[in-house]
């Protein structure tokens, strides 16, 4: 159990964050920015389409547990910085390229 500490924590946190994001999105009439900041891999599909498709929804469910697995598997500080940097870069790309009114 101790070996997969971050995987377990982020797996538990994912549904809570998804519910929060769904609430803030308001059925398509709310704010998409929190969804983009928290789930940039899932929202990357909105660059090409104006909707969130099922494969990207699944990707957003799996990306936090995947972050946890990467952090558990590779324990160096460089790994933490790389995960954070990749996440931050994708957030910037999705925020700049999507056009939600």
PDB file of N, CA and C in Angstrom:
ATOM      1  N   UNK A   1       0.817  -1.198   0.000  1.00  0.00           N
ATOM      2  CA  UNK A   1       0.000   0.000   0.000  1.00  0.00           C
ATOM      3  C   UNK A   1       0.857   1.257   0.000  1.00  0.00           C
ATOM      4  N   UNK A   2       1.910   1.248   0.778  1.00  0.00           N
ATOM      5  CA  UNK A   2       2.755   2.424   0.877  1.00  0.00           C
ATOM      6  C   UNK A   2       3.464   2.711  -0.445  1.00  0.00           C
ATOM      7  N   UNK A   3       3.669   1.661  -1.237  1.00  0.00           N
ATOM      8  CA  UNK A   3       4.378   1.829  -2.492  1.00  0.00           C
ATOM      9  C   UNK A   3       3.575   2.668  -3.489  1.00  0.00           C
ATOM     10  N   UNK A   4       2.277   2.587  -3.443  1.00  0.00           N
ATOM     11  CA  UNK A   4       1.421   3.323  -4.380  1.00  0.00           C
ATOM     12  C   UNK A   4       0.627   4.408  -3.664  1.00  0.00           C
ATOM     13  N   UNK A   5       1.289   5.159  -2.829  1.00  0.00           N
ATOM     14  CA  UNK A   5       0.645   6.181  -2.013  1.00  0.00           C
ATOM     15  C   UNK A   5      -0.036   7.252  -2.878  1.00  0.00           C
ATOM     16  N   UNK A   6       0.682   7.848  -3.810  1.00  0.00           N
ATOM     17  CA  UNK A   6       0.122   8.919  -4.629  1.00  0.00           C
ATOM     18  C   UNK A   6      -0.926   8.404  -5.599  1.00  0.00           C
ATOM     19  N   UNK A   7      -0.769   7.191  -6.075  1.00  0.00           N
ATOM     20  CA  UNK A   7      -1.777   6.613  -6.965  1.00  0.00           C
ATOM     21  C   UNK A   7      -3.112   6.492  -6.243  1.00  0.00           C
ATOM     22  N   UNK A   8      -3.083   6.021  -5.012  1.00  0.00           N
ATOM     23  CA  UNK A   8      -4.310   5.862  -4.226  1.00  0.00           C
ATOM     24  C   UNK A   8      -4.918   7.222  -3.888  1.00  0.00           C
ATOM     25  N   UNK A   9      -4.089   8.153  -3.447  1.00  0.00           N
ATOM     26  CA  UNK A   9      -4.594   9.480  -3.076  1.00  0.00           C
ATOM     27  C   UNK A   9      -5.239  10.176  -4.273  1.00  0.00           C
ATOM     28  N   UNK A  10      -4.564  10.162  -5.402  1.00  0.00           N
ATOM     29  CA  UNK A  10      -5.105  10.845  -6.576  1.00  0.00           C
ATOM     30  C   UNK A  10      -6.286  10.098  -7.187  1.00  0.00           C
ATOM     31  N   UNK A  11      -6.348   8.779  -7.003  1.00  0.00           N
ATOM     32  CA  UNK A  11      -7.514   8.019  -7.469  1.00  0.00           C
ATOM     33  C   UNK A  11      -8.752   8.365  -6.651  1.00  0.00           C
ATOM     34  N   UNK A  12      -8.573   8.612  -5.374  1.00  0.00           N
ATOM     35  CA  UNK A  12      -9.690   9.015  -4.519  1.00  0.00           C
ATOM     36  C   UNK A  12     -10.091  10.459  -4.802  1.00  0.00           C
ATOM     37  N   UNK A  13      -9.116  11.298  -5.090  1.00  0.00           N
ATOM     38  CA  UNK A  13      -9.376  12.713  -5.330  1.00  0.00           C
ATOM     39  C   UNK A  13     -10.038  12.984  -6.685  1.00  0.00           C
ATOM     40  N   UNK A  14      -9.810  12.120  -7.660  1.00  0.00           N
ATOM     41  CA  UNK A  14     -10.326  12.339  -9.014  1.00  0.00           C
ATOM     42  C   UNK A  14     -11.846  12.482  -9.077  1.00  0.00           C
ATOM     43  N   UNK A  15     -12.651  11.568  -8.506  1.00  0.00           N
ATOM     44  CA  UNK A  15     -14.111  11.752  -8.613  1.00  0.00           C
ATOM     45  C   UNK A  15     -14.611  13.007  -7.898  1.00  0.00           C
ATOM     46  N   UNK A  16     -13.946  13.382  -6.811  1.00  0.00           N
ATOM     47  CA  UNK A  16     -14.339  14.593  -6.092  1.00  0.00           C
ATOM     48  C   UNK A  16     -14.103  15.819  -6.972  1.00  0.00           C
ATOM     49  N   UNK A  17     -12.944  15.862  -7.614  1.00  0.00           N
ATOM     50  CA  UNK A  17     -12.639  16.986  -8.505  1.00  0.00           C
ATOM     51  C   UNK A  17     -13.541  16.993  -9.731  1.00  0.00           C
ATOM     52  N   UNK A  18     -13.876  15.811 -10.246  1.00  0.00           N
ATOM     53  CA  UNK A  18     -14.794  15.742 -11.393  1.00  0.00           C
ATOM     54  C   UNK A  18     -16.170  16.301 -11.036  1.00  0.00           C
ATOM     55  N   UNK A  19     -16.673  15.959  -9.856  1.00  0.00           N
ATOM     56  CA  UNK A  19     -17.969  16.497  -9.425  1.00  0.00           C
ATOM     57  C   UNK A  19     -17.918  18.013  -9.275  1.00  0.00           C
ATOM     58  N   UNK A  20     -16.826  18.513  -8.718  1.00  0.00           N
ATOM     59  CA  UNK A  20     -16.663  19.953  -8.571  1.00  0.00           C
ATOM     60  C   UNK A  20     -16.645  20.642  -9.930  1.00  0.00           C
ATOM     61  N   UNK A  21     -15.912  20.065 -10.862  1.00  0.00           N
ATOM     62  CA  UNK A  21     -15.812  20.648 -12.203  1.00  0.00           C
ATOM     63  C   UNK A  21     -17.163  20.596 -12.917  1.00  0.00           C
ATOM     64  N   UNK A  22     -17.887  19.481 -12.798  1.00  0.00           N
ATOM     65  CA  UNK A  22     -19.211  19.391 -13.428  1.00  0.00           C
ATOM     66  C   UNK A  22     -20.154  20.440 -12.860  1.00  0.00           C
ATOM     67  N   UNK A  23     -20.071  20.658 -11.556  1.00  0.00           N
ATOM     68  CA  UNK A  23     -20.906  21.677 -10.929  1.00  0.00           C
ATOM     69  C   UNK A  23     -20.567  23.063 -11.475  1.00  0.00           C
ATOM     70  N   UNK A  24     -19.280  23.358 -11.600  1.00  0.00           N
ATOM     71  CA  UNK A  24     -18.864  24.673 -12.090  1.00  0.00           C
ATOM     72  C   UNK A  24     -19.157  24.864 -13.578  1.00  0.00           C
ATOM     73  N   UNK A  25     -19.162  23.761 -14.341  1.00  0.00           N
ATOM     74  CA  UNK A  25     -19.467  23.865 -15.768  1.00  0.00           C
ATOM     75  C   UNK A  25     -20.951  24.123 -15.990  1.00  0.00           C
ATOM     76  N   UNK A  26     -21.779  23.796 -15.051  1.00  0.00           N
ATOM     77  CA  UNK A  26     -23.191  24.149 -15.094  1.00  0.00           C
ATOM     78  C   UNK A  26     -23.945  23.644 -16.298  1.00  0.00           C
ATOM     79  N   UNK A  27     -23.700  22.421 -16.717  1.00  0.00           N
ATOM     80  CA  UNK A  27     -24.413  21.859 -17.865  1.00  0.00           C
ATOM     81  C   UNK A  27     -24.100  22.574 -19.168  1.00  0.00           C
ATOM     82  N   UNK A  28     -22.924  23.121 -19.274  1.00  0.00           N
ATOM     83  CA  UNK A  28     -22.527  23.811 -20.495  1.00  0.00           C
ATOM     84  C   UNK A  28     -22.731  25.311 -20.455  1.00  0.00           C
ATOM     85  N   UNK A  29     -23.274  25.831 -19.359  1.00  0.00           N
ATOM     86  CA  UNK A  29     -23.545  27.263 -19.272  1.00  0.00           C
ATOM     87  C   UNK A  29     -22.733  27.934 -18.177  1.00  0.00           C
ATOM     88  N   UNK A  30     -21.707  27.260 -17.692  1.00  0.00           N
ATOM     89  CA  UNK A  30     -20.910  27.804 -16.600  1.00  0.00           C
ATOM     90  C   UNK A  30     -19.493  28.126 -17.030  1.00  0.00           C
ATOM     91  N   UNK A  31     -18.559  27.865 -16.131  1.00  0.00           N
ATOM     92  CA  UNK A  31     -17.151  28.189 -16.352  1.00  0.00           C
ATOM     93  C   UNK A  31     -16.375  26.936 -16.723  1.00  0.00           C
ATOM     94  N   UNK A  32     -15.653  26.990 -17.827  1.00  0.00           N
ATOM     95  CA  UNK A  32     -14.841  25.864 -18.265  1.00  0.00           C
ATOM     96  C   UNK A  32     -13.403  25.963 -17.773  1.00  0.00           C
ATOM     97  N   UNK A  33     -12.996  27.117 -17.299  1.00  0.00           N
ATOM     98  CA  UNK A  33     -11.604  27.308 -16.886  1.00  0.00           C
ATOM     99  C   UNK A  33     -11.155  26.338 -15.800  1.00  0.00           C
ATOM    100  N   UNK A  34     -11.944  26.080 -14.746  1.00  0.00           N
ATOM    101  CA  UNK A  34     -11.490  25.098 -13.755  1.00  0.00           C
ATOM    102  C   UNK A  34     -11.307  23.704 -14.346  1.00  0.00           C
ATOM    103  N   UNK A  35     -12.150  23.336 -15.292  1.00  0.00           N
ATOM    104  CA  UNK A  35     -12.000  22.028 -15.937  1.00  0.00           C
ATOM    105  C   UNK A  35     -10.715  21.971 -16.742  1.00  0.00           C
ATOM    106  N   UNK A  36     -10.387  23.058 -17.404  1.00  0.00           N
ATOM    107  CA  UNK A  36      -9.158  23.091 -18.196  1.00  0.00           C
ATOM    108  C   UNK A  36      -7.941  23.049 -17.289  1.00  0.00           C
ATOM    109  N   UNK A  37      -7.980  23.758 -16.173  1.00  0.00           N
ATOM    110  CA  UNK A  37      -6.835  23.786 -15.258  1.00  0.00           C
ATOM    111  C   UNK A  37      -6.646  22.438 -14.572  1.00  0.00           C
ATOM    112  N   UNK A  38      -7.724  21.797 -14.166  1.00  0.00           N
ATOM    113  CA  UNK A  38      -7.599  20.524 -13.451  1.00  0.00           C
ATOM    114  C   UNK A  38      -7.435  19.331 -14.379  1.00  0.00           C
ATOM    115  N   UNK A  39      -8.112  19.338 -15.515  1.00  0.00           N
ATOM    116  CA  UNK A  39      -8.102  18.187 -16.421  1.00  0.00           C
ATOM    117  C   UNK A  39      -7.717  18.604 -17.843  1.00  0.00           C
ATOM    118  N   UNK A  40      -6.491  19.065 -18.046  1.00  0.00           N
ATOM    119  CA  UNK A  40      -6.138  19.550 -19.386  1.00  0.00           C
ATOM    120  C   UNK A  40      -6.095  18.454 -20.442  1.00  0.00           C
ATOM    121  N   UNK A  41      -5.755  17.224 -20.052  1.00  0.00           N
ATOM    122  CA  UNK A  41      -5.734  16.144 -21.040  1.00  0.00           C
ATOM    123  C   UNK A  41      -7.145  15.830 -21.519  1.00  0.00           C
ATOM    124  N   UNK A  42      -8.098  15.859 -20.625  1.00  0.00           N
ATOM    125  CA  UNK A  42      -9.480  15.615 -21.012  1.00  0.00           C
ATOM    126  C   UNK A  42     -10.088  16.751 -21.808  1.00  0.00           C
ATOM    127  N   UNK A  43      -9.657  17.965 -21.521  1.00  0.00           N
ATOM    128  CA  UNK A  43     -10.196  19.127 -22.224  1.00  0.00           C
ATOM    129  C   UNK A  43      -9.437  19.427 -23.509  1.00  0.00           C
ATOM    130  N   UNK A  44      -8.385  18.686 -23.792  1.00  0.00           N
ATOM    131  CA  UNK A  44      -7.621  18.908 -25.025  1.00  0.00           C
ATOM    132  C   UNK A  44      -8.472  18.632 -26.261  1.00  0.00           C
ATOM    133  N   UNK A  45      -9.474  17.795 -26.130  1.00  0.00           N
ATOM    134  CA  UNK A  45     -10.365  17.513 -27.254  1.00  0.00           C
ATOM    135  C   UNK A  45     -11.191  18.709 -27.669  1.00  0.00           C
ATOM    136  N   UNK A  46     -11.349  19.675 -26.769  1.00  0.00           N
ATOM    137  CA  UNK A  46     -12.126  20.863 -27.108  1.00  0.00           C
ATOM    138  C   UNK A  46     -11.359  21.811 -28.024  1.00  0.00           C
ATOM    139  N   UNK A  47     -10.086  21.533 -28.242  1.00  0.00           N
ATOM    140  CA  UNK A  47      -9.327  22.331 -29.206  1.00  0.00           C
ATOM    141  C   UNK A  47      -9.883  22.091 -30.605  1.00  0.00           C
ATOM    142  N   UNK A  48     -10.232  20.844 -30.889  1.00  0.00           N
ATOM    143  CA  UNK A  48     -10.687  20.461 -32.223  1.00  0.00           C
ATOM    144  C   UNK A  48     -12.205  20.495 -32.362  1.00  0.00           C
ATOM    145  N   UNK A  49     -12.916  20.293 -31.253  1.00  0.00           N
ATOM    146  CA  UNK A  49     -14.378  20.278 -31.262  1.00  0.00           C
ATOM    147  C   UNK A  49     -14.861  21.223 -30.176  1.00  0.00           C
ATOM    148  N   UNK A  50     -16.104  21.569 -30.188  1.00  0.00           N
ATOM    149  CA  UNK A  50     -16.659  22.429 -29.154  1.00  0.00           C
ATOM    150  C   UNK A  50     -17.357  21.631 -28.063  1.00  0.00           C
ATOM    151  N   UNK A  51     -17.075  20.341 -27.985  1.00  0.00           N
ATOM    152  CA  UNK A  51     -17.692  19.517 -26.952  1.00  0.00           C
ATOM    153  C   UNK A  51     -16.658  18.546 -26.393  1.00  0.00           C
ATOM    154  N   UNK A  52     -16.992  17.973 -25.254  1.00  0.00           N
ATOM    155  CA  UNK A  52     -16.126  16.993 -24.612  1.00  0.00           C
ATOM    156  C   UNK A  52     -16.631  15.617 -25.014  1.00  0.00           C
ATOM    157  N   UNK A  53     -15.839  14.882 -25.763  1.00  0.00           N
ATOM    158  CA  UNK A  53     -16.254  13.567 -26.241  1.00  0.00           C
ATOM    159  C   UNK A  53     -15.895  12.493 -25.220  1.00  0.00           C
ATOM    160  N   UNK A  54     -16.487  11.319 -25.392  1.00  0.00           N
ATOM    161  CA  UNK A  54     -16.312  10.225 -24.438  1.00  0.00           C
ATOM    162  C   UNK A  54     -14.852   9.803 -24.252  1.00  0.00           C
ATOM    163  N   UNK A  55     -14.049   9.649 -25.306  1.00  0.00           N
ATOM    164  CA  UNK A  55     -12.647   9.258 -25.078  1.00  0.00           C
ATOM    165  C   UNK A  55     -11.872  10.274 -24.238  1.00  0.00           C
ATOM    166  N   UNK A  56     -12.151  11.544 -24.424  1.00  0.00           N
ATOM    167  CA  UNK A  56     -11.460  12.551 -23.629  1.00  0.00           C
ATOM    168  C   UNK A  56     -11.990  12.592 -22.199  1.00  0.00           C
ATOM    169  N   UNK A  57     -13.250  12.232 -22.002  1.00  0.00           N
ATOM    170  CA  UNK A  57     -13.783  12.104 -20.650  1.00  0.00           C
ATOM    171  C   UNK A  57     -13.071  10.972 -19.909  1.00  0.00           C
ATOM    172  N   UNK A  58     -12.884   9.845 -20.578  1.00  0.00           N
ATOM    173  CA  UNK A  58     -12.153   8.721 -19.975  1.00  0.00           C
ATOM    174  C   UNK A  58     -10.713   9.129 -19.682  1.00  0.00           C
ATOM    175  N   UNK A  59     -10.110   9.876 -20.581  1.00  0.00           N
ATOM    176  CA  UNK A  59      -8.747  10.351 -20.371  1.00  0.00           C
ATOM    177  C   UNK A  59      -8.658  11.253 -19.148  1.00  0.00           C
ATOM    178  N   UNK A  60      -9.655  12.085 -18.938  1.00  0.00           N
ATOM    179  CA  UNK A  60      -9.631  12.952 -17.761  1.00  0.00           C
ATOM    180  C   UNK A  60      -9.829  12.162 -16.469  1.00  0.00           C
ATOM    181  N   UNK A  61     -10.556  11.058 -16.526  1.00  0.00           N
ATOM    182  CA  UNK A  61     -10.704  10.204 -15.345  1.00  0.00           C
ATOM    183  C   UNK A  61      -9.386   9.524 -15.001  1.00  0.00           C
ATOM    184  N   UNK A  62      -8.640   9.145 -16.014  1.00  0.00           N
ATOM    185  CA  UNK A  62      -7.427   8.354 -15.788  1.00  0.00           C
ATOM    186  C   UNK A  62      -6.166   9.179 -15.578  1.00  0.00           C
ATOM    187  N   UNK A  63      -6.166  10.454 -15.888  1.00  0.00           N
ATOM    188  CA  UNK A  63      -4.884  11.147 -15.868  1.00  0.00           C
ATOM    189  C   UNK A  63      -4.358  11.446 -14.470  1.00  0.00           C
ATOM    190  N   UNK A  64      -5.197  11.722 -13.470  1.00  0.00           N
ATOM    191  CA  UNK A  64      -4.682  11.912 -12.113  1.00  0.00           C
ATOM    192  C   UNK A  64      -4.130  10.616 -11.516  1.00  0.00           C
ATOM    193  N   UNK A  65      -4.823   9.469 -11.646  1.00  0.00           N
ATOM    194  CA  UNK A  65      -4.192   8.221 -11.182  1.00  0.00           C
ATOM    195  C   UNK A  65      -2.892   7.910 -11.926  1.00  0.00           C
ATOM    196  N   UNK A  66      -2.818   8.278 -13.202  1.00  0.00           N
ATOM    197  CA  UNK A  66      -1.576   8.079 -13.949  1.00  0.00           C
ATOM    198  C   UNK A  66      -0.467   8.974 -13.403  1.00  0.00           C
ATOM    199  N   UNK A  67      -0.797  10.219 -13.070  1.00  0.00           N
ATOM    200  CA  UNK A  67       0.184  11.088 -12.411  1.00  0.00           C
ATOM    201  C   UNK A  67       0.682  10.436 -11.121  1.00  0.00           C
ATOM    202  N   UNK A  68      -0.244   9.901 -10.329  1.00  0.00           N
ATOM    203  CA  UNK A  68       0.140   9.242  -9.084  1.00  0.00           C
ATOM    204  C   UNK A  68       1.047   8.055  -9.323  1.00  0.00           C
ATOM    205  N   UNK A  69       0.731   7.264 -10.343  1.00  0.00           N
ATOM    206  CA  UNK A  69       1.572   6.112 -10.669  1.00  0.00           C
ATOM    207  C   UNK A  69       2.976   6.555 -11.067  1.00  0.00           C
ATOM    208  N   UNK A  70       3.068   7.594 -11.879  1.00  0.00           N
ATOM    209  CA  UNK A  70       4.378   8.109 -12.295  1.00  0.00           C
ATOM    210  C   UNK A  70       5.153   8.620 -11.081  1.00  0.00           C
ATOM    211  N   UNK A  71       4.486   9.344 -10.191  1.00  0.00           N
ATOM    212  CA  UNK A  71       5.162   9.861  -8.999  1.00  0.00           C
ATOM    213  C   UNK A  71       5.596   8.743  -8.063  1.00  0.00           C
ATOM    214  N   UNK A  72       4.806   7.672  -7.969  1.00  0.00           N
ATOM    215  CA  UNK A  72       5.180   6.537  -7.125  1.00  0.00           C
ATOM    216  C   UNK A  72       6.299   5.715  -7.742  1.00  0.00           C
ATOM    217  N   UNK A  73       6.257   5.560  -9.016  1.00  0.00           N
ATOM    218  CA  UNK A  73       7.236   4.708  -9.707  1.00  0.00           C
ATOM    219  C   UNK A  73       8.604   5.368  -9.797  1.00  0.00           C
ATOM    220  N   UNK A  74       8.619   6.645 -10.120  1.00  0.00           N
ATOM    221  CA  UNK A  74       9.871   7.392 -10.259  1.00  0.00           C
ATOM    222  C   UNK A  74       9.889   8.467  -9.179  1.00  0.00           C
ATOM    223  N   UNK A  75      10.668   8.261  -8.148  1.00  0.00           N
ATOM    224  CA  UNK A  75      10.569   9.082  -6.943  1.00  0.00           C
ATOM    225  C   UNK A  75      11.493  10.293  -6.917  1.00  0.00           C
ATOM    226  N   UNK A  76      12.188  10.583  -7.986  1.00  0.00           N
ATOM    227  CA  UNK A  76      13.102  11.729  -7.958  1.00  0.00           C
ATOM    228  C   UNK A  76      12.326  13.043  -8.042  1.00  0.00           C
ATOM    229  N   UNK A  77      12.979  14.099  -7.622  1.00  0.00           N
ATOM    230  CA  UNK A  77      12.355  15.418  -7.684  1.00  0.00           C
ATOM    231  C   UNK A  77      12.182  15.886  -9.122  1.00  0.00           C
ATOM    232  N   UNK A  78      13.033  15.427  -9.994  1.00  0.00           N
ATOM    233  CA  UNK A  78      12.928  15.801 -11.405  1.00  0.00           C
ATOM    234  C   UNK A  78      11.607  15.298 -11.984  1.00  0.00           C
ATOM    235  N   UNK A  79      11.174  14.119 -11.551  1.00  0.00           N
ATOM    236  CA  UNK A  79       9.900  13.571 -12.021  1.00  0.00           C
ATOM    237  C   UNK A  79       8.743  14.474 -11.622  1.00  0.00           C
ATOM    238  N   UNK A  80       8.759  14.955 -10.392  1.00  0.00           N
ATOM    239  CA  UNK A  80       7.692  15.854  -9.933  1.00  0.00           C
ATOM    240  C   UNK A  80       7.654  17.125 -10.771  1.00  0.00           C
ATOM    241  N   UNK A  81       8.815  17.673 -11.041  1.00  0.00           N
ATOM    242  CA  UNK A  81       8.874  18.892 -11.833  1.00  0.00           C
ATOM    243  C   UNK A  81       8.434  18.645 -13.271  1.00  0.00           C
ATOM    244  N   UNK A  82       8.798  17.509 -13.823  1.00  0.00           N
ATOM    245  CA  UNK A  82       8.400  17.187 -15.198  1.00  0.00           C
ATOM    246  C   UNK A  82       6.890  17.011 -15.312  1.00  0.00           C
ATOM    247  N   UNK A  83       6.286  16.298 -14.366  1.00  0.00           N
ATOM    248  CA  UNK A  83       4.827  16.111 -14.374  1.00  0.00           C
ATOM    249  C   UNK A  83       4.133  17.466 -14.255  1.00  0.00           C
ATOM    250  N   UNK A  84       4.616  18.297 -13.341  1.00  0.00           N
ATOM    251  CA  UNK A  84       4.026  19.623 -13.156  1.00  0.00           C
ATOM    252  C   UNK A  84       4.196  20.479 -14.405  1.00  0.00           C
ATOM    253  N   UNK A  85       5.369  20.448 -15.014  1.00  0.00           N
ATOM    254  CA  UNK A  85       5.632  21.256 -16.201  1.00  0.00           C
ATOM    255  C   UNK A  85       4.780  20.812 -17.388  1.00  0.00           C
ATOM    256  N   UNK A  86       4.655  19.502 -17.595  1.00  0.00           N
ATOM    257  CA  UNK A  86       3.818  18.994 -18.684  1.00  0.00           C
ATOM    258  C   UNK A  86       2.361  19.404 -18.472  1.00  0.00           C
ATOM    259  N   UNK A  87       1.892  19.274 -17.234  1.00  0.00           N
ATOM    260  CA  UNK A  87       0.521  19.663 -16.909  1.00  0.00           C
ATOM    261  C   UNK A  87       0.327  21.160 -17.169  1.00  0.00           C
ATOM    262  N   UNK A  88       1.257  21.967 -16.700  1.00  0.00           N
ATOM    263  CA  UNK A  88       1.154  23.415 -16.852  1.00  0.00           C
ATOM    264  C   UNK A  88       1.206  23.844 -18.316  1.00  0.00           C
ATOM    265  N   UNK A  89       2.071  23.228 -19.091  1.00  0.00           N
ATOM    266  CA  UNK A  89       2.154  23.558 -20.517  1.00  0.00           C
ATOM    267  C   UNK A  89       0.870  23.196 -21.255  1.00  0.00           C
ATOM    268  N   UNK A  90       0.307  22.035 -20.935  1.00  0.00           N
ATOM    269  CA  UNK A  90      -0.936  21.644 -21.596  1.00  0.00           C
ATOM    270  C   UNK A  90      -2.093  22.546 -21.177  1.00  0.00           C
ATOM    271  N   UNK A  91      -2.107  22.964 -19.916  1.00  0.00           N
ATOM    272  CA  UNK A  91      -3.130  23.923 -19.473  1.00  0.00           C
ATOM    273  C   UNK A  91      -3.028  25.203 -20.291  1.00  0.00           C
ATOM    274  N   UNK A  92      -1.818  25.705 -20.467  1.00  0.00           N
ATOM    275  CA  UNK A  92      -1.626  26.938 -21.237  1.00  0.00           C
ATOM    276  C   UNK A  92      -2.073  26.761 -22.684  1.00  0.00           C
ATOM    277  N   UNK A  93      -1.724  25.643 -23.289  1.00  0.00           N
ATOM    278  CA  UNK A  93      -2.105  25.396 -24.684  1.00  0.00           C
ATOM    279  C   UNK A  93      -3.620  25.319 -24.825  1.00  0.00           C
ATOM    280  N   UNK A  94      -4.266  24.593 -23.937  1.00  0.00           N
ATOM    281  CA  UNK A  94      -5.725  24.434 -24.038  1.00  0.00           C
ATOM    282  C   UNK A  94      -6.438  25.752 -23.743  1.00  0.00           C
ATOM    283  N   UNK A  95      -5.963  26.504 -22.753  1.00  0.00           N
ATOM    284  CA  UNK A  95      -6.595  27.793 -22.451  1.00  0.00           C
ATOM    285  C   UNK A  95      -6.470  28.778 -23.612  1.00  0.00           C
ATOM    286  N   UNK A  96      -5.337  28.752 -24.282  1.00  0.00           N
ATOM    287  CA  UNK A  96      -5.120  29.698 -25.375  1.00  0.00           C
ATOM    288  C   UNK A  96      -5.886  29.294 -26.631  1.00  0.00           C
ATOM    289  N   UNK A  97      -5.977  28.002 -26.905  1.00  0.00           N
ATOM    290  CA  UNK A  97      -6.538  27.567 -28.187  1.00  0.00           C
ATOM    291  C   UNK A  97      -8.039  27.306 -28.174  1.00  0.00           C
ATOM    292  N   UNK A  98      -8.653  27.114 -27.022  1.00  0.00           N
ATOM    293  CA  UNK A  98     -10.104  26.898 -27.010  1.00  0.00           C
ATOM    294  C   UNK A  98     -10.821  28.237 -27.062  1.00  0.00           C
ATOM    295  N   UNK A  99     -12.058  28.192 -27.509  1.00  0.00           N
ATOM    296  CA  UNK A  99     -12.824  29.415 -27.693  1.00  0.00           C
ATOM    297  C   UNK A  99     -14.205  29.258 -27.066  1.00  0.00           C
ATOM    298  N   UNK A 100     -14.250  29.130 -25.742  1.00  0.00           N
ATOM    299  CA  UNK A 100     -15.536  29.040 -25.053  1.00  0.00           C
ATOM    300  C   UNK A 100     -15.985  30.440 -24.677  1.00  0.00           C
ATOM    301  N   UNK A 101     -17.206  30.750 -24.980  1.00  0.00           N
ATOM    302  CA  UNK A 101     -17.749  32.074 -24.672  1.00  0.00           C
ATOM    303  C   UNK A 101     -18.437  32.037 -23.333  1.00  0.00           C
TER     304      UNK A 101
END
